[in-house]
Amino acid sequence: ISILSSLVWGKTLKPSEIPTEGIDKITADDVKIAEQSGFSIKLLARAKLLENGKIFAKVSPTLVKNDSPLASVSDVFNAVLVKAETTGDVLFYGKGAGKMPTASSVIADIIECAKSANNIKTVFWEDGAQSVFAGKDSASEKYFIRTDFDVSAVVPGAEKIAENAFITPALTETGISVLTEKISEHGKLLSKIPLFE
């Protein structure tokens, strides 16, 4: 996502600046609740240009609607989804792992270098440093949140919240699961998975 962001916006976005989270905190309960509610959980690398001109980038497990083309990406396949005002959604999809796809890509690069031996092709971008990078709290997103305590015991009306929650079944034996409205990332919870929109 660092390379793609730099190519798109012409500014260096260092990998060390991008908040990165793996799937180790995703539980079977998270997957089950997501599936029952019409979602998949995918590990996505995302970047977008904010209205203030800064770039928001993040790598994390993300809630994806089952009717999204990203929901069907699995096994050795990778996909890049580009959202643009002029084109709408454009999906690039193909094998991204394994000896044959890797060999094919290497051979294609060698052929391209050989064909361009007498041409100089340069790709460069400015050093973005901190000036273009928006911190993880800068973009508002909807979040799937799951707690491990009985909310109804400490929050009056929690059952009502659960009934009206976007995620179902929301009220569980061990707590509550909801999909929030757009908020900035904050706090520590058992599960906090952003929604891809």
C-alpha atoms as a PDB file:
ATOM      1  CA  ILE A   1       0.000   0.000   0.000  1.00  0.00           C
ATOM      2  CA  SER A   2       3.007   2.243   0.529  1.00  0.00           C
ATOM      3  CA  ILE A   3       4.125   1.729  -3.089  1.00  0.00           C
ATOM      4  CA  LEU A   4       0.630   2.049  -4.536  1.00  0.00           C
ATOM      5  CA  SER A   5      -0.062   5.228  -2.552  1.00  0.00           C
ATOM      6  CA  SER A   6       3.209   6.743  -3.682  1.00  0.00           C
ATOM      7  CA  LEU A   7       2.445   5.927  -7.328  1.00  0.00           C
ATOM      8  CA  VAL A   8      -1.071   7.347  -7.135  1.00  0.00           C
ATOM      9  CA  TRP A   9      -0.348  10.599  -5.293  1.00  0.00           C
ATOM     10  CA  GLY A  10       3.341  11.175  -6.051  1.00  0.00           C
ATOM     11  CA  LYS A  11       4.326  11.390  -2.382  1.00  0.00           C
ATOM     12  CA  THR A  12       6.413   8.946  -0.393  1.00  0.00           C
ATOM     13  CA  LEU A  13       4.413   7.142   2.252  1.00  0.00           C
ATOM     14  CA  LYS A  14       6.823   5.163   4.406  1.00  0.00           C
ATOM     15  CA  PRO A  15       5.702   1.690   5.511  1.00  0.00           C
ATOM     16  CA  SER A  16       6.715   2.518   9.081  1.00  0.00           C
ATOM     17  CA  GLU A  17       4.120   5.341   9.125  1.00  0.00           C
ATOM     18  CA  ILE A  18       1.209   3.094   8.158  1.00  0.00           C
ATOM     19  CA  PRO A  19      -0.754   1.543  11.052  1.00  0.00           C
ATOM     20  CA  THR A  20      -0.671  -2.213  10.478  1.00  0.00           C
ATOM     21  CA  GLU A  21      -2.710  -4.864  12.243  1.00  0.00           C
ATOM     22  CA  GLY A  22      -2.881  -8.582  11.503  1.00  0.00           C
ATOM     23  CA  ILE A  23      -5.644 -11.126  11.935  1.00  0.00           C
ATOM     24  CA  ASP A  24      -4.398 -12.576  15.228  1.00  0.00           C
ATOM     25  CA  LYS A  25      -7.105 -10.774  17.246  1.00  0.00           C
ATOM     26  CA  ILE A  26      -9.973 -11.970  15.048  1.00  0.00           C
ATOM     27  CA  THR A  27     -11.940 -14.717  16.787  1.00  0.00           C
ATOM     28  CA  ALA A  28     -14.379 -17.383  15.643  1.00  0.00           C
ATOM     29  CA  ASP A  29     -17.137 -15.308  17.273  1.00  0.00           C
ATOM     30  CA  ASP A  30     -16.220 -12.313  15.108  1.00  0.00           C
ATOM     31  CA  VAL A  31     -16.347 -14.418  11.943  1.00  0.00           C
ATOM     32  CA  LYS A  32     -19.632 -16.078  12.942  1.00  0.00           C
ATOM     33  CA  ILE A  33     -21.396 -12.797  13.771  1.00  0.00           C
ATOM     34  CA  ALA A  34     -20.093 -11.194  10.562  1.00  0.00           C
ATOM     35  CA  GLU A  35     -21.269 -14.122   8.417  1.00  0.00           C
ATOM     36  CA  GLN A  36     -24.726 -14.164  10.027  1.00  0.00           C
ATOM     37  CA  SER A  37     -25.014 -10.446   9.265  1.00  0.00           C
ATOM     38  CA  GLY A  38     -23.998 -10.674   5.592  1.00  0.00           C
ATOM     39  CA  PHE A  39     -20.327  -9.719   5.893  1.00  0.00           C
ATOM     40  CA  SER A  40     -16.883 -11.251   5.408  1.00  0.00           C
ATOM     41  CA  ILE A  41     -13.757 -10.257   7.296  1.00  0.00           C
ATOM     42  CA  LYS A  42     -10.814  -9.606   4.967  1.00  0.00           C
ATOM     43  CA  LEU A  43      -7.298  -8.348   5.616  1.00  0.00           C
ATOM     44  CA  LEU A  44      -7.235  -5.141   3.559  1.00  0.00           C
ATOM     45  CA  ALA A  45      -4.579  -2.534   2.851  1.00  0.00           C
ATOM     46  CA  ARG A  46      -6.411   0.741   2.197  1.00  0.00           C
ATOM     47  CA  ALA A  47      -5.451   4.277   1.266  1.00  0.00           C
ATOM     48  CA  LYS A  48      -7.468   7.362   0.420  1.00  0.00           C
ATOM     49  CA  LEU A  49      -6.921  11.048  -0.113  1.00  0.00           C
ATOM     50  CA  LEU A  50      -8.725  13.126   2.509  1.00  0.00           C
ATOM     51  CA  GLU A  51     -10.348  16.504   1.914  1.00  0.00           C
ATOM     52  CA  ASN A  52      -7.453  18.239   3.698  1.00  0.00           C
ATOM     53  CA  GLY A  53      -5.013  16.854   1.106  1.00  0.00           C
ATOM     54  CA  LYS A  54      -3.438  14.297   3.431  1.00  0.00           C
ATOM     55  CA  ILE A  55      -3.302  10.564   2.757  1.00  0.00           C
ATOM     56  CA  PHE A  56      -4.978   8.116   5.115  1.00  0.00           C
ATOM     57  CA  ALA A  57      -3.536   4.593   4.915  1.00  0.00           C
ATOM     58  CA  LYS A  58      -4.137   1.528   7.010  1.00  0.00           C
ATOM     59  CA  VAL A  59      -3.674  -2.247   6.958  1.00  0.00           C
ATOM     60  CA  SER A  60      -6.155  -4.185   9.091  1.00  0.00           C
ATOM     61  CA  PRO A  61      -8.888  -6.803   9.149  1.00  0.00           C
ATOM     62  CA  THR A  62     -11.925  -5.120   7.597  1.00  0.00           C
ATOM     63  CA  LEU A  63     -15.633  -5.900   7.399  1.00  0.00           C
ATOM     64  CA  VAL A  64     -16.684  -6.332   3.746  1.00  0.00           C
ATOM     65  CA  LYS A  65     -20.274  -6.722   2.539  1.00  0.00           C
ATOM     66  CA  ASN A  66     -20.845 -10.104   0.906  1.00  0.00           C
ATOM     67  CA  ASP A  67     -22.021  -8.463  -2.326  1.00  0.00           C
ATOM     68  CA  SER A  68     -18.691  -6.631  -2.678  1.00  0.00           C
ATOM     69  CA  PRO A  69     -16.290  -8.125  -5.256  1.00  0.00           C
ATOM     70  CA  LEU A  70     -13.638  -8.132  -2.515  1.00  0.00           C
ATOM     71  CA  ALA A  71     -15.646 -10.654  -0.474  1.00  0.00           C
ATOM     72  CA  SER A  72     -14.949 -13.445  -2.982  1.00  0.00           C
ATOM     73  CA  VAL A  73     -11.167 -12.952  -3.052  1.00  0.00           C
ATOM     74  CA  SER A  74      -9.476 -15.924  -1.355  1.00  0.00           C
ATOM     75  CA  ASP A  75      -6.668 -18.483  -1.492  1.00  0.00           C
ATOM     76  CA  VAL A  76      -3.724 -17.331  -3.665  1.00  0.00           C
ATOM     77  CA  PHE A  77      -5.718 -14.551  -5.307  1.00  0.00           C
ATOM     78  CA  ASN A  78      -5.208 -10.860  -4.647  1.00  0.00           C
ATOM     79  CA  ALA A  79      -7.280  -7.905  -5.736  1.00  0.00           C
ATOM     80  CA  VAL A  80      -6.858  -4.154  -6.028  1.00  0.00           C
ATOM     81  CA  LEU A  81     -10.049  -2.105  -5.943  1.00  0.00           C
ATOM     82  CA  VAL A  82      -9.742   1.456  -7.217  1.00  0.00           C
ATOM     83  CA  LYS A  83     -12.497   3.958  -6.426  1.00  0.00           C
ATOM     84  CA  ALA A  84     -12.419   7.050  -8.639  1.00  0.00           C
ATOM     85  CA  GLU A  85     -14.882   9.808  -9.441  1.00  0.00           C
ATOM     86  CA  THR A  86     -14.610   9.321 -13.193  1.00  0.00           C
ATOM     87  CA  THR A  87     -14.507   5.512 -13.409  1.00  0.00           C
ATOM     88  CA  GLY A  88     -16.373   4.363 -10.324  1.00  0.00           C
ATOM     89  CA  ASP A  89     -15.118   1.048  -8.901  1.00  0.00           C
ATOM     90  CA  VAL A  90     -12.475  -0.813 -10.943  1.00  0.00           C
ATOM     91  CA  LEU A  91     -11.204  -4.212  -9.755  1.00  0.00           C
ATOM     92  CA  PHE A  92      -7.860  -5.780 -10.731  1.00  0.00           C
ATOM     93  CA  TYR A  93      -7.879  -9.456  -9.764  1.00  0.00           C
ATOM     94  CA  GLY A  94      -5.449 -12.332 -10.151  1.00  0.00           C
ATOM     95  CA  LYS A  95      -3.104 -14.790  -8.552  1.00  0.00           C
ATOM     96  CA  GLY A  96      -0.602 -13.103  -6.298  1.00  0.00           C
ATOM     97  CA  ALA A  97       1.177 -16.059  -4.742  1.00  0.00           C
ATOM     98  CA  GLY A  98       2.650 -19.398  -5.714  1.00  0.00           C
ATOM     99  CA  LYS A  99       5.606 -20.379  -7.867  1.00  0.00           C
ATOM    100  CA  MET A 100       3.894 -20.048 -11.278  1.00  0.00           C
ATOM    101  CA  PRO A 101       2.344 -16.560 -10.767  1.00  0.00           C
ATOM    102  CA  THR A 102       5.622 -15.326  -9.284  1.00  0.00           C
ATOM    103  CA  ALA A 103       7.678 -16.812 -12.144  1.00  0.00           C
ATOM    104  CA  SER A 104       5.300 -15.279 -14.681  1.00  0.00           C
ATOM    105  CA  SER A 105       5.694 -11.825 -13.116  1.00  0.00           C
ATOM    106  CA  VAL A 106       9.488 -12.088 -13.012  1.00  0.00           C
ATOM    107  CA  ILE A 107       9.659 -13.177 -16.673  1.00  0.00           C
ATOM    108  CA  ALA A 108       7.299 -10.326 -17.656  1.00  0.00           C
ATOM    109  CA  ASP A 109       9.580  -7.830 -15.881  1.00  0.00           C
ATOM    110  CA  ILE A 110      12.690  -9.256 -17.593  1.00  0.00           C
ATOM    111  CA  ILE A 111      11.010  -9.007 -21.013  1.00  0.00           C
ATOM    112  CA  GLU A 112       9.917  -5.419 -20.291  1.00  0.00           C
ATOM    113  CA  CYS A 113      13.502  -4.493 -19.291  1.00  0.00           C
ATOM    114  CA  ALA A 114      14.910  -6.090 -22.448  1.00  0.00           C
ATOM    115  CA  LYS A 115      12.386  -4.299 -24.684  1.00  0.00           C
ATOM    116  CA  SER A 116      13.141  -0.974 -23.002  1.00  0.00           C
ATOM    117  CA  ALA A 117      16.934  -1.297 -23.079  1.00  0.00           C
ATOM    118  CA  ASN A 118      17.346   1.888 -25.143  1.00  0.00           C
ATOM    119  CA  ASN A 119      14.716   3.889 -23.289  1.00  0.00           C
ATOM    120  CA  ILE A 120      15.040   5.528 -19.916  1.00  0.00           C
ATOM    121  CA  LYS A 121      11.886   5.235 -17.876  1.00  0.00           C
ATOM    122  CA  THR A 122      11.878   6.974 -14.536  1.00  0.00           C
ATOM    123  CA  VAL A 123       9.326   6.910 -11.797  1.00  0.00           C
ATOM    124  CA  PHE A 124       9.865   9.175  -8.823  1.00  0.00           C
ATOM    125  CA  TRP A 125       7.896  10.901  -6.142  1.00  0.00           C
ATOM    126  CA  GLU A 126       8.478  13.549  -3.538  1.00  0.00           C
ATOM    127  CA  ASP A 127       9.366  12.804   0.059  1.00  0.00           C
ATOM    128  CA  GLY A 128       6.063  13.041   1.827  1.00  0.00           C
ATOM    129  CA  ALA A 129       7.429  12.629   5.357  1.00  0.00           C
ATOM    130  CA  GLN A 130       4.810  13.523   7.970  1.00  0.00           C
ATOM    131  CA  SER A 131       3.422  16.391   5.903  1.00  0.00           C
ATOM    132  CA  VAL A 132       1.127  14.203   3.784  1.00  0.00           C
ATOM    133  CA  PHE A 133       0.378  11.343   6.133  1.00  0.00           C
ATOM    134  CA  ALA A 134      -2.873  11.500   8.084  1.00  0.00           C
ATOM    135  CA  GLY A 135      -2.770   9.662  11.400  1.00  0.00           C
ATOM    136  CA  LYS A 136      -5.012   6.700  12.143  1.00  0.00           C
ATOM    137  CA  ASP A 137      -7.452   8.884  14.092  1.00  0.00           C
ATOM    138  CA  SER A 138      -7.916  11.338  11.200  1.00  0.00           C
ATOM    139  CA  ALA A 139     -10.519   9.403   9.201  1.00  0.00           C
ATOM    140  CA  SER A 140     -13.964   8.499  10.452  1.00  0.00           C
ATOM    141  CA  GLU A 141     -15.181   4.980   9.721  1.00  0.00           C
ATOM    142  CA  LYS A 142     -17.949   2.677  10.819  1.00  0.00           C
ATOM    143  CA  TYR A 143     -16.658   0.004  13.210  1.00  0.00           C
ATOM    144  CA  PHE A 144     -17.829  -3.452  14.200  1.00  0.00           C
ATOM    145  CA  ILE A 145     -17.352  -3.516  17.962  1.00  0.00           C
ATOM    146  CA  ARG A 146     -17.674  -6.502  20.280  1.00  0.00           C
ATOM    147  CA  THR A 147     -17.326  -6.327  24.065  1.00  0.00           C
ATOM    148  CA  ASP A 148     -16.809  -9.193  26.478  1.00  0.00           C
ATOM    149  CA  PHE A 149     -19.061  -7.955  29.274  1.00  0.00           C
ATOM    150  CA  ASP A 150     -22.800  -8.002  29.834  1.00  0.00           C
ATOM    151  CA  VAL A 151     -23.616  -4.493  28.708  1.00  0.00           C
ATOM    152  CA  SER A 152     -27.226  -4.813  29.834  1.00  0.00           C
ATOM    153  CA  ALA A 153     -26.048  -5.037  33.445  1.00  0.00           C
ATOM    154  CA  VAL A 154     -24.296  -1.666  33.318  1.00  0.00           C
ATOM    155  CA  VAL A 155     -25.945   0.211  30.424  1.00  0.00           C
ATOM    156  CA  PRO A 156     -29.682   0.861  30.738  1.00  0.00           C
ATOM    157  CA  GLY A 157     -31.471   0.044  27.500  1.00  0.00           C
ATOM    158  CA  ALA A 158     -28.671  -2.136  26.098  1.00  0.00           C
ATOM    159  CA  GLU A 159     -31.255  -4.661  24.910  1.00  0.00           C
ATOM    160  CA  LYS A 160     -32.871  -1.874  22.873  1.00  0.00           C
ATOM    161  CA  ILE A 161     -29.480  -1.020  21.377  1.00  0.00           C
ATOM    162  CA  ALA A 162     -28.995  -4.675  20.492  1.00  0.00           C
ATOM    163  CA  GLU A 163     -32.406  -4.904  18.816  1.00  0.00           C
ATOM    164  CA  ASN A 164     -31.618  -1.909  16.601  1.00  0.00           C
ATOM    165  CA  ALA A 165     -27.976  -2.793  15.919  1.00  0.00           C
ATOM    166  CA  PHE A 166     -26.781  -3.272  12.348  1.00  0.00           C
ATOM    167  CA  ILE A 167     -24.938  -6.438  13.317  1.00  0.00           C
ATOM    168  CA  THR A 168     -27.014  -9.444  14.346  1.00  0.00           C
ATOM    169  CA  PRO A 169     -27.195 -11.327  16.618  1.00  0.00           C
ATOM    170  CA  ALA A 170     -26.030  -8.276  18.562  1.00  0.00           C
ATOM    171  CA  LEU A 171     -26.697  -9.259  22.176  1.00  0.00           C
ATOM    172  CA  THR A 172     -24.722 -12.378  23.027  1.00  0.00           C
ATOM    173  CA  GLU A 173     -24.194 -14.361  26.194  1.00  0.00           C
ATOM    174  CA  THR A 174     -20.826 -12.697  26.677  1.00  0.00           C
ATOM    175  CA  GLY A 175     -21.612  -9.130  25.678  1.00  0.00           C
ATOM    176  CA  ILE A 176     -22.835  -7.032  22.791  1.00  0.00           C
ATOM    177  CA  SER A 177     -21.787  -6.571  19.155  1.00  0.00           C
ATOM    178  CA  VAL A 178     -22.742  -3.503  17.148  1.00  0.00           C
ATOM    179  CA  LEU A 179     -21.828  -1.605  14.014  1.00  0.00           C
ATOM    180  CA  THR A 180     -21.292   2.043  14.907  1.00  0.00           C
ATOM    181  CA  GLU A 181     -22.002   5.160  12.937  1.00  0.00           C
ATOM    182  CA  LYS A 182     -18.849   6.864  11.576  1.00  0.00           C
ATOM    183  CA  ILE A 183     -16.387   7.551  14.387  1.00  0.00           C
ATOM    184  CA  SER A 184     -12.638   8.096  14.769  1.00  0.00           C
ATOM    185  CA  GLU A 185     -10.616   5.148  16.019  1.00  0.00           C
ATOM    186  CA  HIS A 186     -10.167   5.187  19.766  1.00  0.00           C
ATOM    187  CA  GLY A 187     -10.308   3.025  22.872  1.00  0.00           C
ATOM    188  CA  LYS A 188      -9.500  -0.632  23.414  1.00  0.00           C
ATOM    189  CA  LEU A 189     -12.098  -3.323  22.840  1.00  0.00           C
ATOM    190  CA  LEU A 190     -12.022  -7.039  22.176  1.00  0.00           C
ATOM    191  CA  SER A 191     -12.908  -6.545  18.538  1.00  0.00           C
ATOM    192  CA  LYS A 192     -12.932  -3.326  16.570  1.00  0.00           C
ATOM    193  CA  ILE A 193     -13.093  -3.946  12.835  1.00  0.00           C
ATOM    194  CA  PRO A 194     -13.621  -1.096  10.335  1.00  0.00           C
ATOM    195  CA  LEU A 195     -16.279  -1.417   7.641  1.00  0.00           C
ATOM    196  CA  PHE A 196     -15.177  -1.119   4.008  1.00  0.00           C
ATOM    197  CA  GLU A 197     -17.472   1.255   2.110  1.00  0.00           C
END
